[in-house]
Amino acid sequence: QLAKHIITSNAYLTLGTSHNNIPWVSPVCYFVDEQCNFYYASQMGSVHTKNILSNQKVAWAIFDSHAPDGAGVGVQIWGKAELVGTRSYATA
């Protein structure tokens, strides 16, 4: 129950990727489907997207960064990332 609350009550996760054994972390806005698959949108040229294209192993953390010291709780997860689609957006 606590993990579900943490996941559903936050909007951002910290995504960890790597390329050539060089780690990279990025805050990304996410959502989760009913099967507990996580999704986020990002630019194809971002470091984390380029890393995922060469290494699908990822890890992420979700937590409330405003919790008082010693009262924070979070969820840490690892898995495999996959590209599910691309879409171009025009800039105004």
N, C-alpha and C. Protein backbone atom coordinates (compact mmCIF):
# COMPACT_ATOMS: atom_id res chain seq x y z
N GLN A 1 0.81 -1.18 0.00
CA GLN A 1 0.00 0.00 0.00
C GLN A 1 0.87 1.26 0.00
N LEU A 2 1.92 1.27 0.80
CA LEU A 2 2.79 2.44 0.88
C LEU A 2 3.46 2.70 -0.47
N ALA A 3 3.98 1.65 -1.09
CA ALA A 3 4.63 1.82 -2.39
C ALA A 3 3.65 2.36 -3.42
N LYS A 4 2.44 1.82 -3.44
CA LYS A 4 1.42 2.30 -4.39
C LYS A 4 1.10 3.76 -4.15
N HIS A 5 1.00 4.17 -2.89
CA HIS A 5 0.73 5.57 -2.56
C HIS A 5 1.87 6.46 -3.05
N ILE A 6 3.10 6.05 -2.83
CA ILE A 6 4.25 6.84 -3.27
C ILE A 6 4.22 7.00 -4.78
N ILE A 7 3.97 5.91 -5.50
CA ILE A 7 3.97 5.93 -6.97
C ILE A 7 2.83 6.80 -7.50
N THR A 8 1.65 6.69 -6.92
CA THR A 8 0.49 7.42 -7.45
C THR A 8 0.42 8.87 -6.97
N SER A 9 1.15 9.23 -5.95
CA SER A 9 1.05 10.60 -5.43
C SER A 9 2.20 11.50 -5.88
N ASN A 10 3.07 11.01 -6.72
CA ASN A 10 4.16 11.83 -7.24
C ASN A 10 4.05 11.97 -8.74
N ALA A 11 4.72 12.97 -9.28
CA ALA A 11 4.68 13.22 -10.72
C ALA A 11 6.03 12.98 -11.38
N TYR A 12 7.10 13.00 -10.60
CA TYR A 12 8.44 12.85 -11.15
C TYR A 12 9.15 11.66 -10.53
N LEU A 13 10.00 11.04 -11.34
CA LEU A 13 10.91 10.02 -10.83
C LEU A 13 12.32 10.40 -11.27
N THR A 14 13.29 9.87 -10.56
CA THR A 14 14.68 10.07 -10.94
C THR A 14 15.12 8.82 -11.68
N LEU A 15 15.39 8.98 -12.97
CA LEU A 15 15.73 7.87 -13.85
C LEU A 15 17.24 7.72 -13.95
N GLY A 16 17.74 6.52 -13.70
CA GLY A 16 19.16 6.23 -13.82
C GLY A 16 19.44 5.38 -15.05
N THR A 17 20.36 5.86 -15.88
CA THR A 17 20.78 5.13 -17.07
C THR A 17 22.30 5.11 -17.09
N SER A 18 22.87 4.37 -18.05
CA SER A 18 24.33 4.41 -18.20
C SER A 18 24.72 4.06 -19.63
N HIS A 19 25.91 4.50 -19.98
CA HIS A 19 26.49 4.19 -21.28
C HIS A 19 28.00 4.08 -21.06
N ASN A 20 28.59 2.99 -21.52
CA ASN A 20 30.02 2.75 -21.32
C ASN A 20 30.43 2.89 -19.86
N ASN A 21 29.61 2.37 -18.97
CA ASN A 21 29.84 2.40 -17.52
C ASN A 21 29.88 3.80 -16.94
N ILE A 22 29.30 4.77 -17.63
CA ILE A 22 29.18 6.13 -17.10
C ILE A 22 27.71 6.34 -16.73
N PRO A 23 27.42 6.51 -15.43
CA PRO A 23 26.03 6.67 -15.00
C PRO A 23 25.49 8.06 -15.29
N TRP A 24 24.15 8.15 -15.43
CA TRP A 24 23.46 9.42 -15.66
C TRP A 24 22.10 9.34 -14.98
N VAL A 25 21.71 10.39 -14.26
CA VAL A 25 20.39 10.44 -13.66
C VAL A 25 19.64 11.67 -14.17
N SER A 26 18.33 11.50 -14.35
CA SER A 26 17.49 12.57 -14.90
C SER A 26 16.13 12.56 -14.23
N PRO A 27 15.61 13.74 -13.87
CA PRO A 27 14.23 13.79 -13.40
C PRO A 27 13.30 13.76 -14.61
N VAL A 28 12.31 12.88 -14.60
CA VAL A 28 11.33 12.81 -15.68
C VAL A 28 9.93 12.69 -15.09
N CYS A 29 8.97 13.30 -15.77
CA CYS A 29 7.57 13.19 -15.40
C CYS A 29 7.07 11.84 -15.92
N TYR A 30 6.28 11.13 -15.13
CA TYR A 30 5.89 9.77 -15.49
C TYR A 30 4.41 9.51 -15.23
N PHE A 31 3.92 8.41 -15.79
CA PHE A 31 2.64 7.85 -15.38
C PHE A 31 2.75 6.33 -15.44
N VAL A 32 1.83 5.65 -14.78
CA VAL A 32 1.86 4.20 -14.64
C VAL A 32 0.52 3.64 -15.11
N ASP A 33 0.56 2.54 -15.88
CA ASP A 33 -0.69 1.92 -16.31
C ASP A 33 -1.15 0.87 -15.28
N GLU A 34 -2.26 0.21 -15.57
CA GLU A 34 -2.83 -0.76 -14.63
C GLU A 34 -1.96 -2.00 -14.43
N GLN A 35 -1.06 -2.28 -15.38
CA GLN A 35 -0.15 -3.41 -15.24
C GLN A 35 1.17 -3.00 -14.58
N CYS A 36 1.23 -1.79 -14.08
CA CYS A 36 2.40 -1.24 -13.39
C CYS A 36 3.58 -1.01 -14.34
N ASN A 37 3.28 -0.73 -15.61
CA ASN A 37 4.31 -0.30 -16.56
C ASN A 37 4.45 1.21 -16.41
N PHE A 38 5.68 1.68 -16.36
CA PHE A 38 5.96 3.11 -16.23
C PHE A 38 6.22 3.70 -17.60
N TYR A 39 5.75 4.93 -17.82
CA TYR A 39 5.93 5.64 -19.08
C TYR A 39 6.41 7.06 -18.80
N TYR A 40 7.22 7.60 -19.70
CA TYR A 40 7.59 9.01 -19.64
C TYR A 40 7.85 9.49 -21.06
N ALA A 41 7.79 10.78 -21.26
CA ALA A 41 8.08 11.38 -22.57
C ALA A 41 9.37 12.17 -22.45
N SER A 42 10.18 12.08 -23.48
CA SER A 42 11.44 12.80 -23.46
C SER A 42 11.92 13.03 -24.89
N GLN A 43 12.83 13.93 -25.04
CA GLN A 43 13.38 14.20 -26.36
C GLN A 43 14.34 13.08 -26.77
N MET A 44 14.32 12.73 -28.05
CA MET A 44 15.19 11.66 -28.55
C MET A 44 16.67 11.99 -28.38
N GLY A 45 17.00 13.27 -28.35
CA GLY A 45 18.40 13.67 -28.22
C GLY A 45 18.90 13.79 -26.80
N SER A 46 18.03 13.54 -25.82
CA SER A 46 18.46 13.65 -24.42
C SER A 46 19.47 12.56 -24.07
N VAL A 47 20.31 12.85 -23.10
CA VAL A 47 21.34 11.88 -22.69
C VAL A 47 20.70 10.57 -22.24
N HIS A 48 19.65 10.63 -21.43
CA HIS A 48 19.06 9.39 -20.92
C HIS A 48 18.41 8.58 -22.04
N THR A 49 17.80 9.23 -23.02
CA THR A 49 17.22 8.48 -24.14
C THR A 49 18.31 7.83 -24.98
N LYS A 50 19.36 8.55 -25.27
CA LYS A 50 20.48 7.96 -26.01
C LYS A 50 21.07 6.78 -25.25
N ASN A 51 21.19 6.93 -23.93
CA ASN A 51 21.71 5.82 -23.12
C ASN A 51 20.81 4.60 -23.21
N ILE A 52 19.50 4.81 -23.13
CA ILE A 52 18.55 3.69 -23.19
C ILE A 52 18.61 2.99 -24.54
N LEU A 53 18.82 3.74 -25.61
CA LEU A 53 18.91 3.13 -26.94
C LEU A 53 20.11 2.19 -27.05
N SER A 54 21.15 2.43 -26.24
CA SER A 54 22.32 1.54 -26.28
C SER A 54 22.38 0.57 -25.11
N ASN A 55 21.61 0.84 -24.04
CA ASN A 55 21.60 -0.02 -22.86
C ASN A 55 20.24 0.12 -22.18
N GLN A 56 19.40 -0.89 -22.32
CA GLN A 56 18.03 -0.82 -21.82
C GLN A 56 17.89 -1.00 -20.31
N LYS A 57 18.98 -1.33 -19.62
CA LYS A 57 18.91 -1.51 -18.17
C LYS A 57 18.82 -0.14 -17.50
N VAL A 58 17.78 0.03 -16.68
CA VAL A 58 17.55 1.30 -15.99
C VAL A 58 17.18 1.05 -14.54
N ALA A 59 17.27 2.09 -13.76
CA ALA A 59 16.78 2.08 -12.38
C ALA A 59 16.15 3.44 -12.12
N TRP A 60 15.19 3.48 -11.18
CA TRP A 60 14.62 4.77 -10.86
C TRP A 60 14.17 4.81 -9.41
N ALA A 61 14.05 6.03 -8.92
CA ALA A 61 13.62 6.26 -7.55
C ALA A 61 12.49 7.29 -7.57
N ILE A 62 11.51 7.05 -6.72
CA ILE A 62 10.38 7.98 -6.55
C ILE A 62 10.30 8.29 -5.06
N PHE A 63 10.24 9.58 -4.74
CA PHE A 63 10.20 9.99 -3.34
C PHE A 63 9.68 11.41 -3.23
N ASP A 64 9.27 11.79 -2.05
CA ASP A 64 8.83 13.15 -1.78
C ASP A 64 10.03 13.94 -1.28
N SER A 65 10.55 14.80 -2.12
CA SER A 65 11.75 15.56 -1.75
C SER A 65 11.46 16.65 -0.71
N HIS A 66 10.19 16.87 -0.37
CA HIS A 66 9.85 17.88 0.62
C HIS A 66 9.64 17.28 2.02
N ALA A 67 9.80 15.98 2.15
CA ALA A 67 9.62 15.34 3.47
C ALA A 67 10.72 15.82 4.41
N PRO A 68 10.38 16.00 5.69
CA PRO A 68 11.39 16.41 6.67
C PRO A 68 12.49 15.36 6.80
N ASP A 69 13.66 15.80 7.21
CA ASP A 69 14.80 14.91 7.40
C ASP A 69 14.41 13.76 8.33
N GLY A 70 14.68 12.54 7.89
CA GLY A 70 14.38 11.35 8.68
C GLY A 70 12.97 10.81 8.50
N ALA A 71 12.11 11.55 7.78
CA ALA A 71 10.72 11.12 7.61
C ALA A 71 10.43 10.71 6.16
N GLY A 72 11.41 10.76 5.32
CA GLY A 72 11.18 10.45 3.92
C GLY A 72 11.05 8.96 3.65
N VAL A 73 10.21 8.63 2.70
CA VAL A 73 10.05 7.26 2.23
C VAL A 73 10.09 7.30 0.70
N GLY A 74 10.46 6.21 0.11
CA GLY A 74 10.54 6.18 -1.34
C GLY A 74 10.48 4.76 -1.88
N VAL A 75 10.49 4.70 -3.20
CA VAL A 75 10.47 3.43 -3.91
C VAL A 75 11.64 3.43 -4.87
N GLN A 76 12.40 2.35 -4.88
CA GLN A 76 13.49 2.18 -5.84
C GLN A 76 13.18 0.94 -6.68
N ILE A 77 13.32 1.08 -8.00
CA ILE A 77 12.94 0.02 -8.93
C ILE A 77 14.01 -0.11 -10.00
N TRP A 78 14.19 -1.31 -10.53
CA TRP A 78 15.06 -1.50 -11.69
C TRP A 78 14.28 -2.26 -12.74
N GLY A 79 14.71 -2.13 -13.98
CA GLY A 79 14.01 -2.81 -15.04
C GLY A 79 14.64 -2.57 -16.40
N LYS A 80 13.85 -2.79 -17.43
CA LYS A 80 14.29 -2.65 -18.81
C LYS A 80 13.41 -1.60 -19.49
N ALA A 81 14.02 -0.64 -20.15
CA ALA A 81 13.28 0.41 -20.85
C ALA A 81 13.17 0.07 -22.33
N GLU A 82 12.03 0.42 -22.90
CA GLU A 82 11.81 0.20 -24.33
C GLU A 82 11.19 1.44 -24.94
N LEU A 83 11.57 1.75 -26.15
CA LEU A 83 10.96 2.84 -26.90
C LEU A 83 9.59 2.37 -27.38
N VAL A 84 8.54 3.08 -27.02
CA VAL A 84 7.19 2.64 -27.42
C VAL A 84 6.59 3.51 -28.51
N GLY A 85 7.23 4.58 -28.89
CA GLY A 85 6.72 5.42 -29.96
C GLY A 85 7.45 6.74 -30.00
N THR A 86 7.34 7.39 -31.13
CA THR A 86 7.94 8.72 -31.27
C THR A 86 6.89 9.65 -31.86
N ARG A 87 6.99 10.87 -31.47
CA ARG A 87 6.08 11.89 -31.98
C ARG A 87 6.84 13.20 -32.01
N SER A 88 6.67 13.94 -33.07
CA SER A 88 7.31 15.24 -33.20
C SER A 88 6.33 16.34 -32.80
N TYR A 89 6.83 17.34 -32.14
CA TYR A 89 6.02 18.48 -31.76
C TYR A 89 6.61 19.74 -32.35
N ALA A 90 5.78 20.56 -32.89
CA ALA A 90 6.23 21.84 -33.44
C ALA A 90 6.41 22.82 -32.28
N THR A 91 7.38 23.69 -32.41
CA THR A 91 7.57 24.71 -31.37
C THR A 91 6.93 26.00 -31.85
N ALA A 92 6.32 26.70 -30.93
CA ALA A 92 5.64 27.95 -31.28
C ALA A 92 6.56 29.13 -31.12
